């Protein structure tokens, strides 16, 4: 999947556009901590790995920015539970 995950700070979310649809991971940002609150993958993109690509891209950006993560969103929490390489980001 050649699409790129982008942070949209004005809308407080990471976005991944695929096939004309946009998947989003919404967040709240505080001093040094990002709290993921909700993830939405359009039904047209379901089962294509878009949610996982979005989560991975967002978490890689969080690491680059040296933030800690609070995963209130069940999807992001589940992704992190399955991918221990991101556990160091947990607040």
N, C-alpha and C. Protein backbone atom coordinates (compact mmCIF):
# COMPACT_ATOMS: atom_id res chain seq x y z
N UNK A 1 0.86 -1.18 0.00
CA UNK A 1 0.00 0.00 0.00
C UNK A 1 0.90 1.24 0.00
N UNK A 2 0.97 1.98 -1.10
CA UNK A 2 1.88 3.11 -1.22
C UNK A 2 1.41 4.38 -0.52
N UNK A 3 0.20 4.40 0.02
CA UNK A 3 -0.33 5.60 0.65
C UNK A 3 0.48 5.96 1.90
N UNK A 4 0.48 7.24 2.24
CA UNK A 4 1.25 7.75 3.36
C UNK A 4 0.32 8.24 4.45
N UNK A 5 0.63 7.87 5.70
CA UNK A 5 -0.12 8.36 6.85
C UNK A 5 0.35 9.79 7.13
N UNK A 6 -0.61 10.68 7.26
CA UNK A 6 -0.29 12.09 7.51
C UNK A 6 -0.99 12.58 8.77
N UNK A 7 -0.28 13.40 9.54
CA UNK A 7 -0.88 14.05 10.68
C UNK A 7 -1.63 15.28 10.19
N UNK A 8 -2.85 15.45 10.65
CA UNK A 8 -3.63 16.64 10.34
C UNK A 8 -3.90 17.33 11.68
N UNK A 9 -2.93 18.15 12.16
CA UNK A 9 -3.07 18.74 13.49
C UNK A 9 -4.28 19.66 13.62
N UNK A 10 -4.72 20.29 12.55
CA UNK A 10 -5.88 21.16 12.62
C UNK A 10 -7.15 20.38 12.96
N UNK A 11 -7.19 19.10 12.57
CA UNK A 11 -8.36 18.26 12.84
C UNK A 11 -8.09 17.23 13.93
N UNK A 12 -6.89 17.27 14.52
CA UNK A 12 -6.50 16.37 15.61
C UNK A 12 -6.66 14.91 15.21
N UNK A 13 -6.04 14.58 14.07
CA UNK A 13 -6.15 13.20 13.63
C UNK A 13 -5.05 12.86 12.62
N UNK A 14 -4.72 11.58 12.59
CA UNK A 14 -3.88 11.03 11.53
C UNK A 14 -4.81 10.54 10.44
N UNK A 15 -4.37 10.68 9.19
CA UNK A 15 -5.21 10.30 8.06
C UNK A 15 -4.44 9.41 7.08
N UNK A 16 -5.17 8.49 6.48
CA UNK A 16 -4.62 7.63 5.43
C UNK A 16 -5.67 7.55 4.33
N UNK A 17 -5.34 8.12 3.17
CA UNK A 17 -6.26 8.10 2.04
C UNK A 17 -5.94 6.92 1.14
N UNK A 18 -6.96 6.11 0.87
CA UNK A 18 -6.82 4.94 0.01
C UNK A 18 -8.07 4.85 -0.86
N UNK A 19 -7.87 4.71 -2.15
CA UNK A 19 -8.97 4.52 -3.09
C UNK A 19 -10.06 5.59 -2.94
N UNK A 20 -9.65 6.82 -2.67
CA UNK A 20 -10.59 7.92 -2.55
C UNK A 20 -11.32 8.01 -1.23
N UNK A 21 -10.99 7.15 -0.28
CA UNK A 21 -11.60 7.16 1.05
C UNK A 21 -10.51 7.48 2.07
N UNK A 22 -10.91 8.07 3.20
CA UNK A 22 -9.94 8.46 4.22
C UNK A 22 -10.24 7.74 5.53
N UNK A 23 -9.25 7.00 6.01
CA UNK A 23 -9.30 6.39 7.33
C UNK A 23 -8.63 7.36 8.30
N UNK A 24 -9.16 7.46 9.52
CA UNK A 24 -8.62 8.43 10.48
C UNK A 24 -8.44 7.81 11.86
N UNK A 25 -7.41 8.31 12.55
CA UNK A 25 -7.17 7.99 13.96
C UNK A 25 -7.17 9.32 14.70
N UNK A 26 -8.23 9.58 15.45
CA UNK A 26 -8.39 10.85 16.15
C UNK A 26 -7.64 10.82 17.47
N UNK A 27 -7.13 11.99 17.85
CA UNK A 27 -6.33 12.07 19.07
C UNK A 27 -6.52 13.38 19.81
N UNK A 28 -6.07 13.37 21.08
CA UNK A 28 -5.90 14.59 21.87
C UNK A 28 -4.42 14.69 22.18
N UNK A 29 -3.90 15.89 22.14
CA UNK A 29 -2.49 16.10 22.39
C UNK A 29 -2.31 16.97 23.61
N UNK A 30 -1.43 16.53 24.53
CA UNK A 30 -1.06 17.31 25.71
C UNK A 30 0.47 17.28 25.78
N UNK A 31 1.02 17.91 26.76
CA UNK A 31 2.48 18.01 26.89
C UNK A 31 3.13 16.63 26.89
N UNK A 32 3.74 16.26 25.76
CA UNK A 32 4.48 15.01 25.66
C UNK A 32 3.65 13.75 25.54
N UNK A 33 2.32 13.88 25.48
CA UNK A 33 1.45 12.70 25.45
C UNK A 33 0.38 12.87 24.38
N UNK A 34 0.20 11.82 23.60
CA UNK A 34 -0.88 11.78 22.62
C UNK A 34 -1.85 10.68 23.04
N UNK A 35 -3.12 11.02 23.11
CA UNK A 35 -4.16 10.07 23.50
C UNK A 35 -5.00 9.77 22.26
N UNK A 36 -4.93 8.53 21.80
CA UNK A 36 -5.76 8.11 20.67
C UNK A 36 -7.15 7.78 21.20
N UNK A 37 -8.17 8.41 20.63
CA UNK A 37 -9.52 8.28 21.16
C UNK A 37 -10.48 7.52 20.25
N UNK A 38 -10.21 7.52 18.94
CA UNK A 38 -11.17 6.88 18.03
C UNK A 38 -10.51 6.65 16.68
N UNK A 39 -10.77 5.51 16.09
CA UNK A 39 -10.27 5.19 14.75
C UNK A 39 -11.46 4.81 13.87
N UNK A 40 -11.46 5.35 12.65
CA UNK A 40 -12.53 5.05 11.71
C UNK A 40 -11.91 4.63 10.38
N UNK A 41 -12.31 3.44 9.93
CA UNK A 41 -11.92 2.97 8.60
C UNK A 41 -13.21 2.80 7.81
N UNK A 42 -13.36 3.53 6.71
CA UNK A 42 -14.58 3.40 5.91
C UNK A 42 -14.83 1.95 5.50
N UNK A 43 -16.09 1.56 5.47
CA UNK A 43 -16.44 0.16 5.17
C UNK A 43 -15.88 -0.29 3.82
N UNK A 44 -15.71 0.65 2.89
CA UNK A 44 -15.16 0.30 1.58
C UNK A 44 -13.71 -0.19 1.67
N UNK A 45 -13.05 0.15 2.75
CA UNK A 45 -11.64 -0.23 2.93
C UNK A 45 -11.46 -1.39 3.91
N UNK A 46 -12.55 -1.88 4.46
CA UNK A 46 -12.48 -2.95 5.45
C UNK A 46 -11.81 -4.20 4.90
N UNK A 47 -11.01 -4.85 5.74
CA UNK A 47 -10.36 -6.10 5.38
C UNK A 47 -9.15 -5.95 4.47
N UNK A 48 -8.69 -4.73 4.26
CA UNK A 48 -7.56 -4.50 3.36
C UNK A 48 -6.28 -4.10 4.11
N UNK A 49 -6.32 -4.14 5.44
CA UNK A 49 -5.14 -3.78 6.21
C UNK A 49 -4.94 -2.28 6.37
N UNK A 50 -5.96 -1.50 6.00
CA UNK A 50 -5.84 -0.05 6.07
C UNK A 50 -5.74 0.42 7.52
N UNK A 51 -6.55 -0.14 8.40
CA UNK A 51 -6.49 0.25 9.81
C UNK A 51 -5.13 -0.02 10.42
N UNK A 52 -4.57 -1.17 10.11
CA UNK A 52 -3.23 -1.50 10.63
C UNK A 52 -2.16 -0.58 10.06
N UNK A 53 -2.27 -0.26 8.78
CA UNK A 53 -1.31 0.66 8.16
C UNK A 53 -1.42 2.05 8.79
N UNK A 54 -2.65 2.47 9.07
CA UNK A 54 -2.87 3.76 9.72
C UNK A 54 -2.26 3.76 11.12
N UNK A 55 -2.54 2.73 11.90
CA UNK A 55 -2.00 2.65 13.26
C UNK A 55 -0.48 2.63 13.23
N UNK A 56 0.11 1.81 12.38
CA UNK A 56 1.57 1.73 12.30
C UNK A 56 2.19 3.08 11.92
N UNK A 57 1.63 3.72 10.91
CA UNK A 57 2.16 5.01 10.47
C UNK A 57 2.04 6.08 11.55
N UNK A 58 0.89 6.10 12.24
CA UNK A 58 0.70 7.07 13.31
C UNK A 58 1.69 6.83 14.45
N UNK A 59 1.85 5.57 14.84
CA UNK A 59 2.76 5.25 15.95
C UNK A 59 4.22 5.50 15.58
N UNK A 60 4.57 5.28 14.34
CA UNK A 60 5.93 5.60 13.91
C UNK A 60 6.18 7.10 13.97
N UNK A 61 5.17 7.89 13.63
CA UNK A 61 5.31 9.34 13.74
C UNK A 61 5.39 9.77 15.20
N UNK A 62 4.59 9.15 16.05
CA UNK A 62 4.63 9.44 17.48
C UNK A 62 6.03 9.16 18.03
N UNK A 63 6.62 8.05 17.62
CA UNK A 63 7.99 7.73 18.06
C UNK A 63 8.97 8.80 17.58
N UNK A 64 8.85 9.19 16.32
CA UNK A 64 9.74 10.21 15.77
C UNK A 64 9.62 11.52 16.56
N UNK A 65 8.42 11.83 17.00
CA UNK A 65 8.15 13.06 17.75
C UNK A 65 8.46 12.92 19.24
N UNK A 66 8.83 11.71 19.65
CA UNK A 66 9.19 11.41 21.05
C UNK A 66 8.05 11.69 22.02
N UNK A 67 6.86 11.28 21.61
CA UNK A 67 5.68 11.41 22.46
C UNK A 67 5.40 10.06 23.12
N UNK A 68 4.62 10.09 24.18
CA UNK A 68 4.11 8.88 24.81
C UNK A 68 2.64 8.71 24.41
N UNK A 69 2.15 7.48 24.47
CA UNK A 69 0.81 7.15 23.98
C UNK A 69 -0.10 6.68 25.10
N UNK A 70 -1.31 7.19 25.09
CA UNK A 70 -2.42 6.63 25.86
C UNK A 70 -3.40 6.11 24.81
N UNK A 71 -3.69 4.81 24.87
CA UNK A 71 -4.55 4.18 23.86
C UNK A 71 -5.95 3.97 24.41
N UNK A 72 -6.77 5.02 24.39
CA UNK A 72 -8.18 4.89 24.78
C UNK A 72 -8.97 4.20 23.68
N UNK A 73 -8.54 4.36 22.44
CA UNK A 73 -9.20 3.77 21.29
C UNK A 73 -8.96 2.26 21.29
N UNK A 74 -10.02 1.45 21.26
CA UNK A 74 -9.85 0.00 21.27
C UNK A 74 -9.03 -0.52 20.08
N UNK A 75 -9.15 0.11 18.93
CA UNK A 75 -8.40 -0.38 17.77
C UNK A 75 -6.91 -0.15 17.96
N UNK A 76 -6.52 1.06 18.38
CA UNK A 76 -5.10 1.35 18.61
C UNK A 76 -4.57 0.48 19.74
N UNK A 77 -5.35 0.30 20.80
CA UNK A 77 -4.92 -0.57 21.91
C UNK A 77 -4.69 -1.98 21.41
N UNK A 78 -5.63 -2.51 20.63
CA UNK A 78 -5.49 -3.86 20.09
C UNK A 78 -4.28 -3.99 19.19
N UNK A 79 -4.03 -2.98 18.37
CA UNK A 79 -2.86 -3.01 17.50
C UNK A 79 -1.59 -3.04 18.33
N UNK A 80 -1.53 -2.21 19.36
CA UNK A 80 -0.33 -2.18 20.21
C UNK A 80 -0.16 -3.48 20.98
N UNK A 81 -1.26 -4.09 21.39
CA UNK A 81 -1.19 -5.38 22.09
C UNK A 81 -0.57 -6.45 21.19
N UNK A 82 -0.82 -6.37 19.88
CA UNK A 82 -0.31 -7.36 18.93
C UNK A 82 1.09 -7.02 18.41
N UNK A 83 1.53 -5.79 18.62
CA UNK A 83 2.82 -5.34 18.08
C UNK A 83 3.66 -4.75 19.21
N UNK A 84 4.34 -5.64 19.90
CA UNK A 84 5.11 -5.26 21.09
C UNK A 84 6.20 -4.25 20.79
N UNK A 85 6.59 -4.11 19.53
CA UNK A 85 7.64 -3.15 19.20
C UNK A 85 7.22 -1.70 19.48
N UNK A 86 5.93 -1.49 19.77
CA UNK A 86 5.46 -0.14 20.09
C UNK A 86 5.19 0.04 21.59
N UNK A 87 5.41 -1.00 22.40
CA UNK A 87 5.11 -0.91 23.83
C UNK A 87 5.91 0.16 24.55
N UNK A 88 7.09 0.48 24.04
CA UNK A 88 7.90 1.52 24.69
C UNK A 88 7.25 2.91 24.60
N UNK A 89 6.25 3.05 23.75
CA UNK A 89 5.57 4.34 23.60
C UNK A 89 4.48 4.57 24.64
N UNK A 90 4.07 3.51 25.33
CA UNK A 90 2.97 3.65 26.28
C UNK A 90 3.33 4.54 27.45
N UNK A 91 2.39 5.44 27.78
CA UNK A 91 2.60 6.39 28.89
C UNK A 91 2.42 5.66 30.21
